[in-house]
């Protein structure tokens, strides 16, 4: 009986260990800009004075973090069988609206067609709403976009 219990325990442990070992690392990305403009009618988001690097991190148990150049992030957009070009990423865009009351706001969007102008430090995306909530046009101060991830096998090699 003890041998049977031990065998079941060992089998359970091996299955658990194998499933943990097969988990893919998923990188999440953070884009920072001093200002932004969402044009709901045109379906565009323009980040102005955007950082030249993209912060990335992983979820547990890997706990990796770092920065990569914006150009590398954008060149990876089209790479891999599950690229952002084929399956556009979701993003949570968070910032302060540039109004008299300056209300803090966050919106969920689908990002596509990135266009980076490094000379002007602007990054423009086509956007669509996630879900049924309509996009609302506005100017933002201090804007951050949290972009869902890719696995490293699908994109730029992250250190």
Foldseek 3Di string as FASTA:
>chain_A
DVVVVVVVVVVVVVVVVVVVVPDFWWKKKKKKAQKWWQDQVQQKIKGFRIDQWIWIFTDPPVTDIDIDGPVQVVVFQPFAPPHCAVVFWKKKKWFFFPDPVRDTDIFIWTWHDWDADVVRRMIMTRIDGDPDDGDDITMGGTMMIIITTDGCVGGDNDD
